Amino acid sequence: MKVEKTPSTEKVKKTTLSVKDLFWRIDFNEKDSYITVEKIPSLATVEISEETQKELLKAFENAKFKEMKMEDSNIDLHYNYLINISVSGYFALFVDSSNKIIYVDETQKKYIMVDDNDFFDILENAVKK
């Protein structure tokens, strides 16, 4: 017996997004990748070792996101970092580390990092050094 395809069997609702969903042209295999972090509001650059940059990039690559919707609008946003990622392009993110939220400058959308893969722990440890 052949199962008939219907919208409910064809379409599985995707609840989380990957970095590729956010930045379709990003390629983490590029050798000259780097990440810079600036504190907000001072825009003072945080010195981050090459090893920590690689850890941050790997964590970010494997993170999972959820787009912020109107029901999330009660979250009080406080962006405390501007992160620039250079990986097969240049991507600027405003980061609220306490709420695990990123604002993607290119698309002007906000995302909650639902599985940060230790991204924020690595970031906070790097900033403390």
Protein backbone atom coordinates (compact mmCIF):
# COMPACT_ATOMS: atom_id res chain seq x y z
CA MET A 1 0.00 0.00 0.00
CA LYS A 2 1.44 3.33 -1.04
CA VAL A 3 1.33 6.15 1.51
CA GLU A 4 -0.10 9.31 0.05
CA LYS A 5 1.98 12.40 0.60
CA THR A 6 0.17 15.22 2.33
CA PRO A 7 1.41 18.54 3.66
CA SER A 8 1.52 17.05 7.16
CA THR A 9 3.66 14.07 6.08
CA GLU A 10 5.83 16.06 3.67
CA LYS A 11 6.72 18.94 5.93
CA VAL A 12 8.40 18.41 9.25
CA LYS A 13 8.47 21.59 11.28
CA LYS A 14 12.01 22.66 11.96
CA THR A 15 12.29 24.02 15.47
CA THR A 16 15.97 24.95 15.53
CA LEU A 17 18.23 26.60 13.01
CA SER A 18 21.89 25.97 12.26
CA VAL A 19 24.52 28.56 11.40
CA LYS A 20 24.08 27.55 7.73
CA ASP A 21 20.40 28.53 8.05
CA LEU A 22 21.40 31.97 9.33
CA PHE A 23 24.34 32.53 6.97
CA TRP A 24 23.84 30.45 3.84
CA ARG A 25 27.24 31.32 2.36
CA ILE A 26 29.35 30.64 5.46
CA ASP A 27 32.09 28.02 5.05
CA PHE A 28 34.03 27.06 8.17
CA ASN A 29 36.66 25.17 6.14
CA GLU A 30 38.35 28.42 5.19
CA LYS A 31 41.88 28.50 6.63
CA ASP A 32 42.14 32.26 7.23
CA SER A 33 39.13 32.45 9.57
CA TYR A 34 39.20 34.73 12.59
CA ILE A 35 36.92 36.34 15.12
CA THR A 36 37.16 39.70 16.87
CA VAL A 37 35.26 40.79 19.96
CA GLU A 38 34.56 44.34 21.06
CA LYS A 39 32.93 45.32 24.33
CA ILE A 40 29.84 47.51 24.14
CA PRO A 41 29.48 50.41 24.75
CA SER A 42 33.21 51.22 24.79
CA LEU A 43 34.02 49.24 21.61
CA ALA A 44 37.31 48.27 23.25
CA THR A 45 38.77 45.31 21.38
CA VAL A 46 39.28 42.18 23.45
CA GLU A 47 42.55 40.36 22.75
CA ILE A 48 41.72 36.73 22.00
CA SER A 49 44.33 34.09 21.31
CA GLU A 50 44.25 32.19 18.03
CA GLU A 51 43.43 28.98 19.91
CA THR A 52 40.43 30.59 21.66
CA GLN A 53 39.27 32.06 18.34
CA LYS A 54 39.23 28.54 16.88
CA GLU A 55 37.26 27.27 19.91
CA LEU A 56 34.73 30.10 19.51
CA LEU A 57 34.37 29.46 15.79
CA LYS A 58 33.87 25.71 16.33
CA ALA A 59 31.29 26.31 19.07
CA PHE A 60 29.47 28.84 16.88
CA GLU A 61 29.54 26.49 13.89
CA ASN A 62 27.80 23.77 15.93
CA ALA A 63 25.34 26.01 17.80
CA LYS A 64 21.58 25.87 17.32
CA PHE A 65 19.28 28.89 17.14
CA LYS A 66 15.65 29.91 17.31
CA GLU A 67 14.42 33.07 15.64
CA MET A 68 12.97 35.55 18.12
CA LYS A 69 9.26 36.09 17.70
CA MET A 70 6.80 38.56 19.17
CA GLU A 71 6.21 36.30 22.18
CA ASP A 72 9.92 36.72 23.01
CA SER A 73 9.65 40.51 23.00
CA ASN A 74 9.43 40.67 26.80
CA ILE A 75 13.14 39.84 27.00
CA ASP A 76 15.13 42.88 28.11
CA LEU A 77 18.04 43.03 25.65
CA HIS A 78 21.45 44.34 26.68
CA TYR A 79 24.01 43.86 23.93
CA ASN A 80 27.41 43.70 25.55
CA TYR A 81 29.60 42.54 22.63
CA LEU A 82 30.05 43.21 18.94
CA ILE A 83 31.49 40.08 17.37
CA ASN A 84 32.93 40.12 13.87
CA ILE A 85 33.41 36.76 12.24
CA SER A 86 35.52 36.44 9.13
CA VAL A 87 34.76 33.06 7.57
CA SER A 88 34.19 33.02 3.80
CA GLY A 89 32.77 36.49 4.28
CA TYR A 90 32.38 39.02 7.03
CA PHE A 91 29.56 38.66 9.56
CA ALA A 92 28.76 41.16 12.32
CA LEU A 93 26.79 40.09 15.39
CA PHE A 94 25.59 42.07 18.36
CA VAL A 95 25.56 39.73 21.35
CA ASP A 96 23.57 39.75 24.57
CA SER A 97 25.51 37.12 26.50
CA SER A 98 23.22 37.07 29.54
CA ASN A 99 20.17 36.13 27.43
CA LYS A 100 22.18 34.17 24.80
CA ILE A 101 20.81 36.32 21.99
CA ILE A 102 22.50 37.44 18.80
CA TYR A 103 21.41 40.17 16.44
CA VAL A 104 22.59 39.56 12.89
CA ASP A 105 23.41 42.92 11.36
CA GLU A 106 23.16 41.70 7.75
CA THR A 107 19.57 40.41 8.07
CA GLN A 108 18.47 42.60 10.99
CA LYS A 109 17.07 39.54 12.80
CA LYS A 110 17.44 38.37 16.38
CA TYR A 111 18.08 34.77 17.38
CA ILE A 112 18.16 32.96 20.70
CA MET A 113 21.01 30.48 20.92
CA VAL A 114 19.14 27.44 22.24
CA ASP A 115 22.23 25.20 22.19
CA ASP A 116 25.32 27.35 22.43
CA ASN A 117 27.81 24.46 22.42
CA ASP A 118 29.73 26.34 25.19
CA PHE A 119 30.10 29.43 22.99
CA PHE A 120 29.17 31.83 25.78
CA ASP A 121 31.38 30.10 28.38
CA ILE A 122 34.35 30.31 26.00
CA LEU A 123 33.53 33.95 25.23
CA GLU A 124 33.21 34.99 28.89
CA ASN A 125 36.45 33.19 29.82
CA ALA A 126 38.27 34.90 26.93
CA VAL A 127 37.00 38.33 27.99
CA LYS A 128 38.12 37.77 31.61
CA LYS A 129 41.74 37.07 30.61
